[in-house]
Amino acid sequence: MNAPCPARNLSGPVPFPLMAGPTPMSDYTWHIPDPVTQPDFYADVPLKRLVAWVADTVLVTVICVLILPFTAFTGLFFFPILMLTVGFAYRVATIARGSATWGMRLVAIEFRTLSGRRFDLSMAFLHTLGFTLSCIFAILQLASAVLMLTTPRAQGLTDHLLGTVALNRRANT
C-alpha cells in the first residue's frame, strides 16, 4: 500500500503535478517538477529572473525617489542604504504574499520550496537576506549566476542553501 503524499496538506492549490523521489544528495523527497521530464517549468528561468530583477530594481528606485521629499532630501546622502532598506522590505513583503515579487509576477515565475510549498514570511525573509548578501558581495552574486545557468533547476546560491527553486507558473486556463 502506498503512503499518502505529505504534499496534499499544502495550503492553496499547487500549480504543477507533484513529483516525488529520492535525490542523489539525500533521501529527502522533492515535490517539485523534475527538470528532465518537465523542462517547461524551468525554461528561461535565469533570463526571467534577470528581467524580474531589473523591473524590481526600477520599482524600488521609484519608491525611494518618492520617499526623498519626506526626508527633506537628506536621503540623498544615504541613498544606497535607503535603496537597500526599501528593497529588502519590498522583497520580503511581496514574496511573503504571493511567493514572487511584482517583477517575478510580470514574467510569470514564482518561488517554491522543494516540498512544493509557497514561501511564508520566514522563508521570504531568509531568501531576501541571502539575495541581499549576494548583492553586497559580488563574488556571491557571480557564484549565484553561474549556478542558475548551469544547474538543472536553475537554482541560485540562496536557492541551494535554503532548498528553494524558481519555477514558471502554469497558465490559468
N, C-alpha and C. Protein backbone atom coordinates (compact mmCIF):
# COMPACT_ATOMS: atom_id res chain seq x y z
N MET A 1 0.85 -1.17 0.00
CA MET A 1 0.00 0.00 0.00
C MET A 1 0.90 1.24 0.00
N ASN A 2 0.57 2.21 -0.85
CA ASN A 2 1.34 3.45 -0.92
C ASN A 2 0.98 4.37 0.23
N ALA A 3 2.00 5.03 0.77
CA ALA A 3 1.77 6.01 1.83
C ALA A 3 1.20 7.27 1.21
N PRO A 4 0.33 7.99 1.93
CA PRO A 4 -0.21 9.23 1.38
C PRO A 4 0.90 10.26 1.19
N CYS A 5 0.74 11.04 0.15
CA CYS A 5 1.72 12.08 -0.16
C CYS A 5 1.58 13.21 0.84
N PRO A 6 2.66 13.58 1.55
CA PRO A 6 2.54 14.66 2.54
C PRO A 6 2.22 16.00 1.91
N ALA A 7 2.46 16.16 0.62
CA ALA A 7 2.22 17.44 -0.02
C ALA A 7 0.73 17.73 -0.20
N ARG A 8 -0.14 16.77 0.04
CA ARG A 8 -1.56 17.01 -0.12
C ARG A 8 -2.11 17.96 0.94
N ASN A 9 -1.34 18.22 1.98
CA ASN A 9 -1.77 19.13 3.03
C ASN A 9 -1.29 20.55 2.80
N LEU A 10 -0.85 20.87 1.60
CA LEU A 10 -0.35 22.21 1.31
C LEU A 10 -1.48 23.22 1.35
N SER A 11 -1.13 24.42 1.74
CA SER A 11 -2.15 25.47 1.72
C SER A 11 -2.23 26.04 0.32
N GLY A 12 -3.39 26.14 -0.22
CA GLY A 12 -3.59 26.67 -1.55
C GLY A 12 -3.32 25.65 -2.63
N PRO A 13 -3.77 25.94 -3.85
CA PRO A 13 -3.58 24.98 -4.93
C PRO A 13 -2.11 24.94 -5.36
N VAL A 14 -1.66 23.78 -5.75
CA VAL A 14 -0.31 23.61 -6.26
C VAL A 14 -0.41 23.66 -7.77
N PRO A 15 0.34 24.57 -8.45
CA PRO A 15 0.14 24.79 -9.87
C PRO A 15 0.84 23.78 -10.77
N PHE A 16 1.36 22.70 -10.24
CA PHE A 16 2.05 21.71 -11.05
C PHE A 16 1.89 20.35 -10.42
N PRO A 17 2.02 19.31 -11.21
CA PRO A 17 1.94 17.97 -10.62
C PRO A 17 3.11 17.75 -9.69
N LEU A 18 2.85 17.17 -8.55
CA LEU A 18 3.91 16.97 -7.57
C LEU A 18 4.76 15.77 -7.96
N MET A 19 6.07 15.93 -7.82
CA MET A 19 7.00 14.87 -8.15
C MET A 19 7.62 14.38 -6.85
N ALA A 20 7.86 13.11 -6.74
CA ALA A 20 8.48 12.56 -5.54
C ALA A 20 9.61 11.63 -5.95
N GLY A 21 10.55 11.47 -5.06
CA GLY A 21 11.64 10.54 -5.30
C GLY A 21 12.88 11.01 -4.60
N PRO A 22 13.77 10.09 -4.28
CA PRO A 22 14.99 10.48 -3.60
C PRO A 22 15.93 11.25 -4.51
N THR A 23 16.70 12.13 -3.92
CA THR A 23 17.68 12.90 -4.67
C THR A 23 19.02 12.22 -4.56
N PRO A 24 19.93 12.52 -5.46
CA PRO A 24 21.25 11.91 -5.35
C PRO A 24 21.99 12.36 -4.09
N MET A 25 21.65 13.54 -3.56
CA MET A 25 22.39 14.09 -2.42
C MET A 25 21.83 13.63 -1.08
N SER A 26 20.58 13.21 -1.03
CA SER A 26 19.99 12.84 0.25
C SER A 26 18.77 11.96 0.01
N ASP A 27 18.12 11.58 1.08
CA ASP A 27 16.89 10.81 0.93
C ASP A 27 15.66 11.71 1.06
N TYR A 28 15.86 13.03 0.99
CA TYR A 28 14.78 14.00 1.05
C TYR A 28 13.88 13.84 -0.17
N THR A 29 12.59 13.88 0.01
CA THR A 29 11.66 13.73 -1.09
C THR A 29 11.29 15.11 -1.63
N TRP A 30 11.52 15.31 -2.91
CA TRP A 30 11.18 16.57 -3.56
C TRP A 30 9.79 16.47 -4.16
N HIS A 31 9.05 17.55 -4.08
CA HIS A 31 7.71 17.59 -4.64
C HIS A 31 7.61 18.74 -5.63
N ILE A 32 8.61 18.88 -6.45
CA ILE A 32 8.62 19.89 -7.49
C ILE A 32 8.83 19.18 -8.82
N PRO A 33 8.53 19.84 -9.93
CA PRO A 33 8.69 19.19 -11.23
C PRO A 33 10.15 18.78 -11.48
N ASP A 34 10.30 17.64 -12.11
CA ASP A 34 11.61 17.14 -12.49
C ASP A 34 12.07 17.89 -13.74
N PRO A 35 13.29 18.43 -13.75
CA PRO A 35 13.75 19.19 -14.92
C PRO A 35 13.94 18.34 -16.18
N VAL A 36 14.06 17.03 -16.02
CA VAL A 36 14.24 16.16 -17.19
C VAL A 36 12.89 15.82 -17.82
N THR A 37 11.92 15.47 -16.99
CA THR A 37 10.61 15.06 -17.53
C THR A 37 9.65 16.24 -17.72
N GLN A 38 9.88 17.35 -17.03
CA GLN A 38 9.02 18.53 -17.16
C GLN A 38 9.87 19.80 -17.29
N PRO A 39 10.63 19.91 -18.37
CA PRO A 39 11.55 21.04 -18.51
C PRO A 39 10.86 22.39 -18.68
N ASP A 40 9.58 22.40 -19.07
CA ASP A 40 8.89 23.68 -19.27
C ASP A 40 8.84 24.53 -18.00
N PHE A 41 8.84 23.88 -16.84
CA PHE A 41 8.80 24.64 -15.59
C PHE A 41 10.10 25.41 -15.33
N TYR A 42 11.18 25.04 -16.02
CA TYR A 42 12.48 25.67 -15.82
C TYR A 42 12.97 26.43 -17.05
N ALA A 43 12.18 26.41 -18.12
CA ALA A 43 12.58 27.07 -19.36
C ALA A 43 12.73 28.58 -19.17
N ASP A 44 13.88 29.10 -19.52
CA ASP A 44 14.16 30.55 -19.48
C ASP A 44 14.09 31.17 -18.09
N VAL A 45 14.12 30.37 -17.04
CA VAL A 45 14.03 30.93 -15.69
C VAL A 45 15.18 31.88 -15.37
N PRO A 46 16.45 31.58 -15.72
CA PRO A 46 17.51 32.56 -15.41
C PRO A 46 17.28 33.91 -16.10
N LEU A 47 16.87 33.89 -17.37
CA LEU A 47 16.59 35.14 -18.08
C LEU A 47 15.41 35.87 -17.45
N LYS A 48 14.38 35.13 -17.09
CA LYS A 48 13.22 35.75 -16.45
C LYS A 48 13.58 36.34 -15.09
N ARG A 49 14.46 35.67 -14.36
CA ARG A 49 14.89 36.22 -13.07
C ARG A 49 15.65 37.53 -13.27
N LEU A 50 16.44 37.61 -14.33
CA LEU A 50 17.16 38.86 -14.63
C LEU A 50 16.19 39.97 -14.97
N VAL A 51 15.22 39.69 -15.83
CA VAL A 51 14.22 40.70 -16.20
C VAL A 51 13.42 41.12 -14.96
N ALA A 52 13.06 40.17 -14.12
CA ALA A 52 12.33 40.49 -12.88
C ALA A 52 13.18 41.36 -11.97
N TRP A 53 14.47 41.06 -11.86
CA TRP A 53 15.36 41.86 -11.02
C TRP A 53 15.43 43.30 -11.53
N VAL A 54 15.52 43.48 -12.84
CA VAL A 54 15.56 44.84 -13.41
C VAL A 54 14.25 45.56 -13.10
N ALA A 55 13.11 44.91 -13.31
CA ALA A 55 11.82 45.53 -13.04
C ALA A 55 11.68 45.89 -11.56
N ASP A 56 12.08 44.98 -10.68
CA ASP A 56 12.01 45.25 -9.24
C ASP A 56 12.94 46.39 -8.84
N THR A 57 14.13 46.43 -9.42
CA THR A 57 15.09 47.50 -9.10
C THR A 57 14.55 48.85 -9.54
N VAL A 58 13.94 48.92 -10.71
CA VAL A 58 13.33 50.17 -11.18
C VAL A 58 12.22 50.59 -10.24
N LEU A 59 11.37 49.66 -9.84
CA LEU A 59 10.27 49.97 -8.93
C LEU A 59 10.77 50.46 -7.57
N VAL A 60 11.78 49.79 -7.02
CA VAL A 60 12.34 50.21 -5.73
C VAL A 60 12.99 51.59 -5.85
N THR A 61 13.64 51.85 -6.97
CA THR A 61 14.25 53.17 -7.19
C THR A 61 13.17 54.26 -7.22
N VAL A 62 12.07 54.00 -7.91
CA VAL A 62 10.96 54.97 -7.96
C VAL A 62 10.40 55.20 -6.57
N ILE A 63 10.21 54.14 -5.80
CA ILE A 63 9.71 54.29 -4.43
C ILE A 63 10.66 55.15 -3.60
N CYS A 64 11.96 54.90 -3.74
CA CYS A 64 12.95 55.66 -2.97
C CYS A 64 12.96 57.13 -3.38
N VAL A 65 12.81 57.39 -4.67
CA VAL A 65 12.76 58.79 -5.13
C VAL A 65 11.51 59.48 -4.58
N LEU A 66 10.40 58.75 -4.49
CA LEU A 66 9.19 59.32 -3.91
C LEU A 66 9.32 59.57 -2.41
N ILE A 67 10.16 58.78 -1.74
CA ILE A 67 10.40 58.95 -0.30
C ILE A 67 11.29 60.16 -0.02
N LEU A 68 12.17 60.52 -0.95
CA LEU A 68 13.16 61.59 -0.72
C LEU A 68 12.56 62.89 -0.17
N PRO A 69 11.46 63.42 -0.72
CA PRO A 69 10.93 64.67 -0.16
C PRO A 69 10.54 64.55 1.32
N PHE A 70 10.14 63.36 1.75
CA PHE A 70 9.74 63.16 3.14
C PHE A 70 10.95 63.10 4.08
N THR A 71 12.15 63.01 3.51
CA THR A 71 13.38 63.04 4.32
C THR A 71 14.04 64.42 4.24
N ALA A 72 13.30 65.39 3.69
CA ALA A 72 13.85 66.73 3.44
C ALA A 72 15.10 66.63 2.56
N PHE A 73 15.08 65.65 1.67
CA PHE A 73 16.15 65.36 0.70
C PHE A 73 17.48 64.97 1.34
N THR A 74 17.48 64.75 2.66
CA THR A 74 18.70 64.23 3.29
C THR A 74 18.93 62.78 2.90
N GLY A 75 17.89 62.14 2.38
CA GLY A 75 18.01 60.77 1.90
C GLY A 75 19.00 60.63 0.76
N LEU A 76 19.31 61.74 0.10
CA LEU A 76 20.31 61.70 -0.96
C LEU A 76 21.68 61.31 -0.42
N PHE A 77 21.95 61.66 0.84
CA PHE A 77 23.25 61.36 1.44
C PHE A 77 23.40 59.89 1.82
N PHE A 78 22.28 59.22 2.01
CA PHE A 78 22.34 57.80 2.33
C PHE A 78 21.43 56.99 1.39
N PHE A 79 21.39 57.42 0.12
CA PHE A 79 20.51 56.80 -0.86
C PHE A 79 20.77 55.29 -1.03
N PRO A 80 22.03 54.84 -1.08
CA PRO A 80 22.24 53.39 -1.19
C PRO A 80 21.64 52.61 -0.01
N ILE A 81 21.74 53.16 1.19
CA ILE A 81 21.17 52.48 2.36
C ILE A 81 19.64 52.52 2.28
N LEU A 82 19.09 53.63 1.80
CA LEU A 82 17.65 53.74 1.61
C LEU A 82 17.18 52.70 0.59
N MET A 83 17.92 52.56 -0.52
CA MET A 83 17.58 51.55 -1.54
C MET A 83 17.63 50.14 -0.95
N LEU A 84 18.66 49.88 -0.17
CA LEU A 84 18.83 48.56 0.44
C LEU A 84 17.67 48.26 1.39
N THR A 85 17.31 49.23 2.21
CA THR A 85 16.23 49.04 3.19
C THR A 85 14.88 48.89 2.52
N VAL A 86 14.57 49.78 1.59
CA VAL A 86 13.28 49.71 0.89
C VAL A 86 13.21 48.44 0.05
N GLY A 87 14.30 48.10 -0.63
CA GLY A 87 14.33 46.90 -1.44
C GLY A 87 14.13 45.65 -0.61
N PHE A 88 14.75 45.61 0.56
CA PHE A 88 14.59 44.45 1.46
C PHE A 88 13.14 44.32 1.89
N ALA A 89 12.56 45.43 2.35
CA ALA A 89 11.16 45.39 2.79
C ALA A 89 10.22 45.02 1.65
N TYR A 90 10.46 45.58 0.47
CA TYR A 90 9.64 45.29 -0.71
C TYR A 90 9.70 43.79 -1.05
N ARG A 91 10.90 43.23 -1.09
CA ARG A 91 11.06 41.82 -1.46
C ARG A 91 10.39 40.91 -0.43
N VAL A 92 10.64 41.17 0.85
CA VAL A 92 10.04 40.32 1.88
C VAL A 92 8.52 40.37 1.79
N ALA A 93 7.97 41.58 1.70
CA ALA A 93 6.51 41.73 1.69
C ALA A 93 5.87 41.09 0.46
N THR A 94 6.44 41.31 -0.72
CA THR A 94 5.82 40.76 -1.92
C THR A 94 6.01 39.25 -2.04
N ILE A 95 7.17 38.76 -1.65
CA ILE A 95 7.41 37.31 -1.73
C ILE A 95 6.55 36.58 -0.69
N ALA A 96 6.41 37.15 0.49
CA ALA A 96 5.59 36.51 1.53
C ALA A 96 4.12 36.45 1.13
N ARG A 97 3.65 37.42 0.37
CA ARG A 97 2.23 37.47 -0.02
C ARG A 97 1.89 36.57 -1.20
N GLY A 98 2.83 36.39 -2.13
CA GLY A 98 2.49 35.61 -3.32
C GLY A 98 3.61 34.73 -3.83
N SER A 99 4.66 34.55 -3.03
CA SER A 99 5.80 33.72 -3.40
C SER A 99 6.54 34.27 -4.62
N ALA A 100 6.34 35.57 -4.88
CA ALA A 100 7.01 36.22 -6.01
C ALA A 100 6.96 37.73 -5.82
N THR A 101 7.99 38.41 -6.31
CA THR A 101 7.95 39.88 -6.33
C THR A 101 7.06 40.31 -7.49
N TRP A 102 6.78 41.59 -7.59
CA TRP A 102 5.96 42.06 -8.71
C TRP A 102 6.70 41.86 -10.04
N GLY A 103 8.01 42.00 -10.03
CA GLY A 103 8.78 41.73 -11.24
C GLY A 103 8.70 40.27 -11.65
N MET A 104 8.73 39.39 -10.67
CA MET A 104 8.60 37.95 -10.96
C MET A 104 7.20 37.63 -11.49
N ARG A 105 6.21 38.28 -10.96
CA ARG A 105 4.84 38.06 -11.44
C ARG A 105 4.71 38.55 -12.88
N LEU A 106 5.41 39.63 -13.20
CA LEU A 106 5.40 40.17 -14.55
C LEU A 106 5.90 39.14 -15.57
N VAL A 107 6.91 38.38 -15.20
CA VAL A 107 7.49 37.38 -16.11
C VAL A 107 6.99 35.97 -15.81
N ALA A 108 6.01 35.83 -14.94
CA ALA A 108 5.32 34.57 -14.64
C ALA A 108 6.23 33.49 -14.04
N ILE A 109 7.01 33.87 -13.02
CA ILE A 109 7.75 32.88 -12.25
C ILE A 109 7.43 33.08 -10.78
N GLU A 110 7.65 32.04 -9.99
CA GLU A 110 7.41 32.13 -8.56
C GLU A 110 8.35 31.19 -7.82
N PHE A 111 8.56 31.46 -6.55
CA PHE A 111 9.40 30.61 -5.71
C PHE A 111 8.57 29.50 -5.08
N ARG A 112 9.22 28.36 -4.90
CA ARG A 112 8.63 27.24 -4.17
C ARG A 112 9.74 26.58 -3.36
N THR A 113 9.36 25.97 -2.26
CA THR A 113 10.30 25.14 -1.53
C THR A 113 10.39 23.81 -2.26
N LEU A 114 11.37 23.00 -1.92
CA LEU A 114 11.50 21.70 -2.58
C LEU A 114 10.34 20.77 -2.25
N SER A 115 9.59 21.09 -1.19
CA SER A 115 8.40 20.30 -0.88
C SER A 115 7.18 20.80 -1.64
N GLY A 116 7.35 21.83 -2.48
CA GLY A 116 6.26 22.34 -3.30
C GLY A 116 5.46 23.47 -2.67
N ARG A 117 5.83 23.90 -1.49
CA ARG A 117 5.08 24.94 -0.78
C ARG A 117 5.48 26.34 -1.25
N ARG A 118 4.51 27.24 -1.18
CA ARG A 118 4.79 28.66 -1.41
C ARG A 118 5.57 29.19 -0.22
N PHE A 119 6.24 30.30 -0.40
CA PHE A 119 7.01 30.90 0.68
C PHE A 119 6.09 31.52 1.72
N ASP A 120 6.44 31.35 2.98
CA ASP A 120 5.79 32.07 4.05
C ASP A 120 6.70 33.24 4.43
N LEU A 121 6.33 33.98 5.47
CA LEU A 121 7.09 35.17 5.85
C LEU A 121 8.53 34.84 6.23
N SER A 122 8.73 33.78 6.98
CA SER A 122 10.11 33.46 7.39
C SER A 122 10.97 33.03 6.21
N MET A 123 10.41 32.26 5.29
CA MET A 123 11.19 31.86 4.11
C MET A 123 11.46 33.06 3.21
N ALA A 124 10.47 33.96 3.09
CA ALA A 124 10.66 35.18 2.30
C ALA A 124 11.79 36.03 2.91
N PHE A 125 11.81 36.13 4.24
CA PHE A 125 12.86 36.89 4.92
C PHE A 125 14.23 36.25 4.68
N LEU A 126 14.33 34.94 4.85
CA LEU A 126 15.62 34.26 4.67
C LEU A 126 16.11 34.33 3.23
N HIS A 127 15.19 34.16 2.28
CA HIS A 127 15.60 34.25 0.87
C HIS A 127 16.04 35.66 0.52
N THR A 128 15.33 36.65 1.02
CA THR A 128 15.71 38.05 0.77
C THR A 128 17.04 38.37 1.43
N LEU A 129 17.28 37.85 2.62
CA LEU A 129 18.57 38.05 3.29
C LEU A 129 19.70 37.46 2.44
N GLY A 130 19.51 36.24 1.95
CA GLY A 130 20.51 35.62 1.09
C GLY A 130 20.72 36.41 -0.19
N PHE A 131 19.63 36.87 -0.81
CA PHE A 131 19.72 37.68 -2.02
C PHE A 131 20.48 38.98 -1.74
N THR A 132 20.17 39.63 -0.63
CA THR A 132 20.81 40.90 -0.28
C THR A 132 22.31 40.71 -0.05
N LEU A 133 22.67 39.65 0.66
CA LEU A 133 24.10 39.36 0.87
C LEU A 133 24.80 39.09 -0.46
N SER A 134 24.10 38.41 -1.36
CA SER A 134 24.67 38.16 -2.69
C SER A 134 24.87 39.46 -3.46
N CYS A 135 23.97 40.40 -3.28
CA CYS A 135 24.12 41.70 -3.96
C CYS A 135 25.26 42.52 -3.36
N ILE A 136 25.46 42.39 -2.06
CA ILE A 136 26.52 43.16 -1.40
C ILE A 136 27.90 42.63 -1.77
N PHE A 137 28.02 41.30 -1.84
CA PHE A 137 29.31 40.68 -2.15
C PHE A 137 29.27 40.14 -3.58
N ALA A 138 29.98 40.80 -4.48
CA ALA A 138 29.94 40.48 -5.91
C ALA A 138 30.30 39.02 -6.19
N ILE A 139 31.23 38.45 -5.45
CA ILE A 139 31.63 37.06 -5.70
C ILE A 139 30.47 36.10 -5.45
N LEU A 140 29.63 36.40 -4.45
CA LEU A 140 28.46 35.58 -4.18
C LEU A 140 27.43 35.71 -5.31
N GLN A 141 27.28 36.92 -5.83
CA GLN A 141 26.35 37.15 -6.94
C GLN A 141 26.82 36.43 -8.19
N LEU A 142 28.13 36.45 -8.43
CA LEU A 142 28.69 35.73 -9.58
C LEU A 142 28.47 34.23 -9.43
N ALA A 143 28.73 33.70 -8.24
CA ALA A 143 28.51 32.27 -7.99
C ALA A 143 27.04 31.91 -8.19
N SER A 144 26.16 32.77 -7.75
CA SER A 144 24.73 32.53 -7.89
C SER A 144 24.34 32.50 -9.37
N ALA A 145 24.85 33.45 -10.14
CA ALA A 145 24.54 33.50 -11.58
C ALA A 145 25.05 32.25 -12.30
N VAL A 146 26.26 31.82 -11.96
CA VAL A 146 26.82 30.62 -12.58
C VAL A 146 25.96 29.40 -12.23
N LEU A 147 25.55 29.30 -10.98
CA LEU A 147 24.68 28.18 -10.58
C LEU A 147 23.35 28.20 -11.32
N MET A 148 22.76 29.38 -11.48
CA MET A 148 21.48 29.48 -12.19
C MET A 148 21.61 29.02 -13.64
N LEU A 149 22.76 29.31 -14.23
CA LEU A 149 22.96 28.96 -15.64
C LEU A 149 23.41 27.52 -15.86
N THR A 150 23.90 26.86 -14.81
CA THR A 150 24.49 25.53 -15.00
C THR A 150 23.78 24.39 -14.28
N THR A 151 22.85 24.68 -13.39
CA THR A 151 22.19 23.60 -12.66
C THR A 151 20.85 23.26 -13.34
N PRO A 152 20.41 22.03 -13.24
CA PRO A 152 19.18 21.61 -13.94
C PRO A 152 17.94 22.38 -13.52
N ARG A 153 17.85 22.78 -12.26
CA ARG A 153 16.68 23.51 -11.77
C ARG A 153 16.90 25.02 -11.77
N ALA A 154 18.00 25.50 -12.34
CA ALA A 154 18.32 26.93 -12.44
C ALA A 154 18.28 27.61 -11.07
N GLN A 155 18.80 26.93 -10.05
CA GLN A 155 18.81 27.47 -8.70
C GLN A 155 20.05 28.33 -8.48
N GLY A 156 19.86 29.46 -7.81
CA GLY A 156 20.97 30.30 -7.43
C GLY A 156 21.56 29.82 -6.10
N LEU A 157 22.56 30.52 -5.62
CA LEU A 157 23.24 30.15 -4.39
C LEU A 157 22.27 30.11 -3.20
N THR A 158 21.47 31.14 -3.04
CA THR A 158 20.50 31.19 -1.95
C THR A 158 19.49 30.05 -2.08
N ASP A 159 19.07 29.75 -3.30
CA ASP A 159 18.13 28.64 -3.53
C ASP A 159 18.74 27.33 -3.07
N HIS A 160 20.00 27.11 -3.39
CA HIS A 160 20.67 25.88 -2.97
C HIS A 160 20.77 25.79 -1.45
N LEU A 161 21.10 26.89 -0.81
CA LEU A 161 21.26 26.89 0.64
C LEU A 161 19.93 26.68 1.38
N LEU A 162 18.86 27.26 0.84
CA LEU A 162 17.56 27.19 1.52
C LEU A 162 16.67 26.05 1.03
N GLY A 163 17.05 25.41 -0.06
CA GLY A 163 16.20 24.37 -0.62
C GLY A 163 14.98 24.95 -1.29
N THR A 164 15.20 25.92 -2.18
CA THR A 164 14.10 26.58 -2.89
C THR A 164 14.39 26.55 -4.38
N VAL A 165 13.38 26.92 -5.15
CA VAL A 165 13.52 26.92 -6.61
C VAL A 165 12.56 27.97 -7.18
N ALA A 166 12.96 28.58 -8.29
CA ALA A 166 12.07 29.47 -9.03
C ALA A 166 11.54 28.69 -10.22
N LEU A 167 10.22 28.72 -10.40
CA LEU A 167 9.55 27.95 -11.46
C LEU A 167 8.69 28.86 -12.31
N ASN A 168 8.51 28.46 -13.57
CA ASN A 168 7.50 29.10 -14.39
C ASN A 168 6.13 28.72 -13.84
N ARG A 169 5.27 29.70 -13.72
CA ARG A 169 3.92 29.42 -13.26
C ARG A 169 3.12 28.80 -14.38
N ARG A 170 2.22 27.91 -14.03
CA ARG A 170 1.32 27.33 -15.02
C ARG A 170 0.27 28.38 -15.39
N ALA A 171 0.00 28.50 -16.66
CA ALA A 171 -1.02 29.45 -17.11
C ALA A 171 -2.39 29.00 -16.63
N ASN A 172 -3.20 29.93 -16.19
CA ASN A 172 -4.57 29.63 -15.77
C ASN A 172 -5.42 29.44 -17.01
N THR A 173 -6.08 28.32 -17.09
CA THR A 173 -6.92 28.06 -18.26
C THR A 173 -8.37 27.95 -17.87
